[in-house]
């Protein structure tokens, strides 16, 4: 059977933030959260990018808001991208 993937929770993101600030490696953080190291690496890479409005380090609460916004944005144009699905709806 296939693997089941789930989004990082707010609690996990805050834990990533705290452990990252302590200087733990990506692999150490992943082991503590029982997640893949690539998941943690991707999380830090996606959500620690400086912007015009924010230049700080990784912030778990901010990352959770950004992830929620990305999930909503991805579904806005789903019917436009998938004509077969639009026809069924």
N, C-alpha and C. Protein backbone atom coordinates (compact mmCIF):
# COMPACT_ATOMS: atom_id res chain seq x y z
N UNK A 1 0.84 -1.18 0.00
CA UNK A 1 0.00 0.00 0.00
C UNK A 1 0.89 1.24 0.00
N UNK A 2 0.38 2.34 -0.53
CA UNK A 2 1.15 3.58 -0.62
C UNK A 2 1.33 4.27 0.72
N UNK A 3 2.23 5.21 0.73
CA UNK A 3 2.47 5.97 1.94
C UNK A 3 1.45 7.08 2.09
N UNK A 4 1.20 7.48 3.33
CA UNK A 4 0.27 8.57 3.61
C UNK A 4 1.09 9.79 4.02
N UNK A 5 0.84 10.89 3.37
CA UNK A 5 1.56 12.12 3.67
C UNK A 5 0.58 13.11 4.31
N UNK A 6 1.08 13.87 5.26
CA UNK A 6 0.24 14.88 5.89
C UNK A 6 1.02 16.18 6.02
N UNK A 7 0.28 17.26 6.07
CA UNK A 7 0.88 18.57 6.24
C UNK A 7 1.48 18.68 7.63
N UNK A 8 2.48 19.52 7.77
CA UNK A 8 3.02 19.80 9.09
C UNK A 8 1.98 20.60 9.87
N UNK A 9 1.84 20.28 11.12
CA UNK A 9 0.91 21.01 11.97
C UNK A 9 1.59 22.27 12.50
N UNK A 10 0.79 23.14 13.09
CA UNK A 10 1.34 24.35 13.70
C UNK A 10 2.34 23.97 14.80
N UNK A 11 1.99 22.99 15.60
CA UNK A 11 2.88 22.55 16.69
C UNK A 11 4.22 22.06 16.12
N UNK A 12 4.17 21.30 15.02
CA UNK A 12 5.41 20.81 14.42
C UNK A 12 6.24 21.96 13.85
N UNK A 13 5.59 22.93 13.25
CA UNK A 13 6.32 24.06 12.69
C UNK A 13 6.99 24.90 13.79
N UNK A 14 6.30 25.07 14.90
CA UNK A 14 6.90 25.81 16.02
C UNK A 14 8.08 25.01 16.58
N UNK A 15 7.95 23.70 16.64
CA UNK A 15 9.06 22.85 17.10
C UNK A 15 10.24 22.96 16.16
N UNK A 16 9.98 22.96 14.85
CA UNK A 16 11.05 23.15 13.87
C UNK A 16 11.76 24.48 14.12
N UNK A 17 10.97 25.51 14.35
CA UNK A 17 11.55 26.83 14.63
C UNK A 17 12.48 26.80 15.84
N UNK A 18 12.00 26.24 16.94
CA UNK A 18 12.79 26.22 18.17
C UNK A 18 14.07 25.39 18.01
N UNK A 19 13.95 24.21 17.41
CA UNK A 19 15.12 23.35 17.24
C UNK A 19 16.11 23.95 16.25
N UNK A 20 15.60 24.60 15.22
CA UNK A 20 16.48 25.25 14.23
C UNK A 20 17.25 26.40 14.89
N UNK A 21 16.58 27.15 15.75
CA UNK A 21 17.25 28.24 16.47
C UNK A 21 18.33 27.73 17.41
N UNK A 22 18.11 26.51 17.95
CA UNK A 22 19.11 25.90 18.83
C UNK A 22 20.32 25.39 18.06
N UNK A 23 20.21 25.38 16.74
CA UNK A 23 21.33 24.96 15.92
C UNK A 23 21.34 23.49 15.55
N UNK A 24 20.23 22.78 15.78
CA UNK A 24 20.17 21.38 15.41
C UNK A 24 20.13 21.23 13.89
N UNK A 25 20.66 20.13 13.42
CA UNK A 25 20.67 19.88 11.98
C UNK A 25 19.28 19.49 11.50
N UNK A 26 19.09 19.56 10.20
CA UNK A 26 17.81 19.18 9.59
C UNK A 26 17.50 17.72 9.92
N UNK A 27 18.50 16.87 9.84
CA UNK A 27 18.29 15.44 10.15
C UNK A 27 17.90 15.22 11.61
N UNK A 28 18.48 15.97 12.51
CA UNK A 28 18.14 15.85 13.94
C UNK A 28 16.70 16.29 14.19
N UNK A 29 16.32 17.39 13.57
CA UNK A 29 14.95 17.89 13.71
C UNK A 29 13.97 16.87 13.15
N UNK A 30 14.29 16.33 11.98
CA UNK A 30 13.42 15.34 11.33
C UNK A 30 13.27 14.10 12.21
N UNK A 31 14.35 13.65 12.81
CA UNK A 31 14.29 12.47 13.67
C UNK A 31 13.40 12.72 14.88
N UNK A 32 13.50 13.88 15.48
CA UNK A 32 12.66 14.19 16.65
C UNK A 32 11.19 14.27 16.31
N UNK A 33 10.88 14.75 15.10
CA UNK A 33 9.49 14.88 14.68
C UNK A 33 8.97 13.63 13.95
N UNK A 34 9.88 12.67 13.75
CA UNK A 34 9.55 11.46 13.00
C UNK A 34 9.02 11.80 11.61
N UNK A 35 9.74 12.70 10.96
CA UNK A 35 9.44 13.15 9.60
C UNK A 35 10.68 12.94 8.75
N UNK A 36 10.52 13.03 7.45
CA UNK A 36 11.63 12.92 6.53
C UNK A 36 12.50 14.18 6.62
N UNK A 37 13.80 14.00 6.47
CA UNK A 37 14.70 15.16 6.48
C UNK A 37 14.38 16.09 5.31
N UNK A 38 13.94 15.52 4.18
CA UNK A 38 13.61 16.36 3.03
C UNK A 38 12.39 17.23 3.33
N UNK A 39 11.46 16.74 4.14
CA UNK A 39 10.28 17.53 4.52
C UNK A 39 10.71 18.76 5.32
N UNK A 40 11.60 18.55 6.27
CA UNK A 40 12.07 19.66 7.11
C UNK A 40 12.90 20.63 6.28
N UNK A 41 13.76 20.11 5.44
CA UNK A 41 14.58 20.97 4.59
C UNK A 41 13.70 21.83 3.68
N UNK A 42 12.70 21.21 3.07
CA UNK A 42 11.79 21.93 2.18
C UNK A 42 11.02 22.99 2.96
N UNK A 43 10.58 22.65 4.15
CA UNK A 43 9.83 23.59 4.98
C UNK A 43 10.68 24.83 5.28
N UNK A 44 11.91 24.61 5.68
CA UNK A 44 12.80 25.74 6.00
C UNK A 44 13.11 26.57 4.75
N UNK A 45 13.33 25.90 3.64
CA UNK A 45 13.65 26.61 2.40
C UNK A 45 12.47 27.45 1.92
N UNK A 46 11.27 26.89 1.95
CA UNK A 46 10.09 27.60 1.45
C UNK A 46 9.69 28.78 2.33
N UNK A 47 9.79 28.62 3.63
CA UNK A 47 9.19 29.58 4.54
C UNK A 47 10.18 30.46 5.29
N UNK A 48 11.43 30.44 4.90
CA UNK A 48 12.39 31.32 5.56
C UNK A 48 12.96 32.35 4.59
N UNK A 49 12.34 32.44 3.41
CA UNK A 49 12.83 33.40 2.42
C UNK A 49 12.48 34.82 2.84
N UNK A 50 13.45 35.73 2.82
CA UNK A 50 13.14 37.11 3.14
C UNK A 50 12.27 37.74 2.04
N UNK A 51 11.37 38.62 2.44
CA UNK A 51 10.53 39.34 1.51
C UNK A 51 10.67 40.83 1.78
N UNK A 52 9.95 41.65 1.04
CA UNK A 52 9.99 43.10 1.28
C UNK A 52 9.45 43.44 2.66
N UNK A 53 8.49 42.66 3.14
CA UNK A 53 7.84 42.96 4.41
C UNK A 53 8.41 42.20 5.59
N UNK A 54 9.22 41.17 5.31
CA UNK A 54 9.72 40.32 6.39
C UNK A 54 11.13 39.86 6.07
N UNK A 55 12.05 40.09 6.98
CA UNK A 55 13.44 39.70 6.73
C UNK A 55 14.01 38.82 7.83
N UNK A 56 13.15 38.36 8.72
CA UNK A 56 13.61 37.56 9.84
C UNK A 56 13.90 36.11 9.49
N UNK A 57 14.30 35.33 10.47
CA UNK A 57 14.55 33.90 10.26
C UNK A 57 13.23 33.12 10.17
N UNK A 58 13.31 31.81 10.07
CA UNK A 58 12.13 30.97 10.00
C UNK A 58 11.25 31.19 11.23
N UNK A 59 9.96 31.38 11.00
CA UNK A 59 8.99 31.57 12.08
C UNK A 59 7.86 30.57 11.85
N UNK A 60 7.65 29.67 12.80
CA UNK A 60 6.67 28.61 12.66
C UNK A 60 5.24 29.09 12.44
N UNK A 61 4.82 30.10 13.17
CA UNK A 61 3.45 30.60 13.01
C UNK A 61 3.25 31.26 11.65
N UNK A 62 4.23 32.03 11.23
CA UNK A 62 4.17 32.66 9.90
C UNK A 62 4.16 31.59 8.82
N UNK A 63 4.99 30.58 8.97
CA UNK A 63 5.05 29.49 8.00
C UNK A 63 3.71 28.77 7.88
N UNK A 64 3.03 28.59 9.01
CA UNK A 64 1.73 27.92 8.99
C UNK A 64 0.70 28.76 8.23
N UNK A 65 0.71 30.07 8.44
CA UNK A 65 -0.20 30.96 7.70
C UNK A 65 0.10 30.92 6.20
N UNK A 66 1.38 30.95 5.85
CA UNK A 66 1.76 30.91 4.44
C UNK A 66 1.32 29.60 3.78
N UNK A 67 1.49 28.50 4.49
CA UNK A 67 1.09 27.19 3.95
C UNK A 67 -0.42 27.13 3.74
N UNK A 68 -1.18 27.66 4.69
CA UNK A 68 -2.63 27.67 4.55
C UNK A 68 -3.04 28.53 3.35
N UNK A 69 -2.38 29.64 3.17
CA UNK A 69 -2.69 30.52 2.04
C UNK A 69 -2.35 29.83 0.71
N UNK A 70 -1.22 29.11 0.68
CA UNK A 70 -0.85 28.39 -0.54
C UNK A 70 -1.88 27.31 -0.88
N UNK A 71 -2.37 26.60 0.13
CA UNK A 71 -3.37 25.56 -0.11
C UNK A 71 -4.63 26.16 -0.70
N UNK A 72 -5.08 27.31 -0.20
CA UNK A 72 -6.27 27.96 -0.73
C UNK A 72 -6.02 28.44 -2.16
N UNK A 73 -4.87 29.02 -2.40
CA UNK A 73 -4.56 29.57 -3.71
C UNK A 73 -4.52 28.47 -4.76
N UNK A 74 -3.95 27.34 -4.42
CA UNK A 74 -3.84 26.24 -5.37
C UNK A 74 -5.19 25.74 -5.84
N UNK A 75 -6.21 25.83 -5.02
CA UNK A 75 -7.52 25.30 -5.40
C UNK A 75 -8.37 26.31 -6.17
N UNK A 76 -7.98 27.56 -6.18
CA UNK A 76 -8.80 28.58 -6.84
C UNK A 76 -8.98 28.33 -8.32
N UNK A 77 -7.94 27.87 -8.98
CA UNK A 77 -7.97 27.72 -10.42
C UNK A 77 -7.96 26.26 -10.86
N UNK A 78 -8.34 25.36 -9.97
CA UNK A 78 -8.29 23.95 -10.27
C UNK A 78 -9.19 23.59 -11.46
N UNK A 79 -10.39 24.14 -11.50
CA UNK A 79 -11.30 23.83 -12.60
C UNK A 79 -10.78 24.39 -13.92
N UNK A 80 -10.12 25.52 -13.88
CA UNK A 80 -9.57 26.11 -15.11
C UNK A 80 -8.42 25.26 -15.65
N UNK A 81 -7.66 24.64 -14.75
CA UNK A 81 -6.53 23.81 -15.17
C UNK A 81 -6.95 22.42 -15.61
N UNK A 82 -8.14 21.97 -15.18
CA UNK A 82 -8.57 20.61 -15.47
C UNK A 82 -9.94 20.62 -16.13
N UNK A 83 -9.97 20.76 -17.46
CA UNK A 83 -11.24 20.87 -18.18
C UNK A 83 -12.14 19.65 -17.99
N UNK A 84 -11.58 18.45 -17.88
CA UNK A 84 -12.40 17.25 -17.66
C UNK A 84 -13.14 17.32 -16.33
N UNK A 85 -12.46 17.81 -15.32
CA UNK A 85 -13.09 17.97 -14.02
C UNK A 85 -14.18 19.04 -14.08
N UNK A 86 -13.92 20.13 -14.78
CA UNK A 86 -14.91 21.21 -14.93
C UNK A 86 -16.16 20.69 -15.63
N UNK A 87 -15.98 19.82 -16.63
CA UNK A 87 -17.12 19.25 -17.34
C UNK A 87 -17.97 18.38 -16.42
N UNK A 88 -17.32 17.65 -15.52
CA UNK A 88 -18.05 16.79 -14.58
C UNK A 88 -18.81 17.61 -13.54
N UNK A 89 -18.25 18.75 -13.18
CA UNK A 89 -18.89 19.59 -12.16
C UNK A 89 -20.06 20.30 -12.80
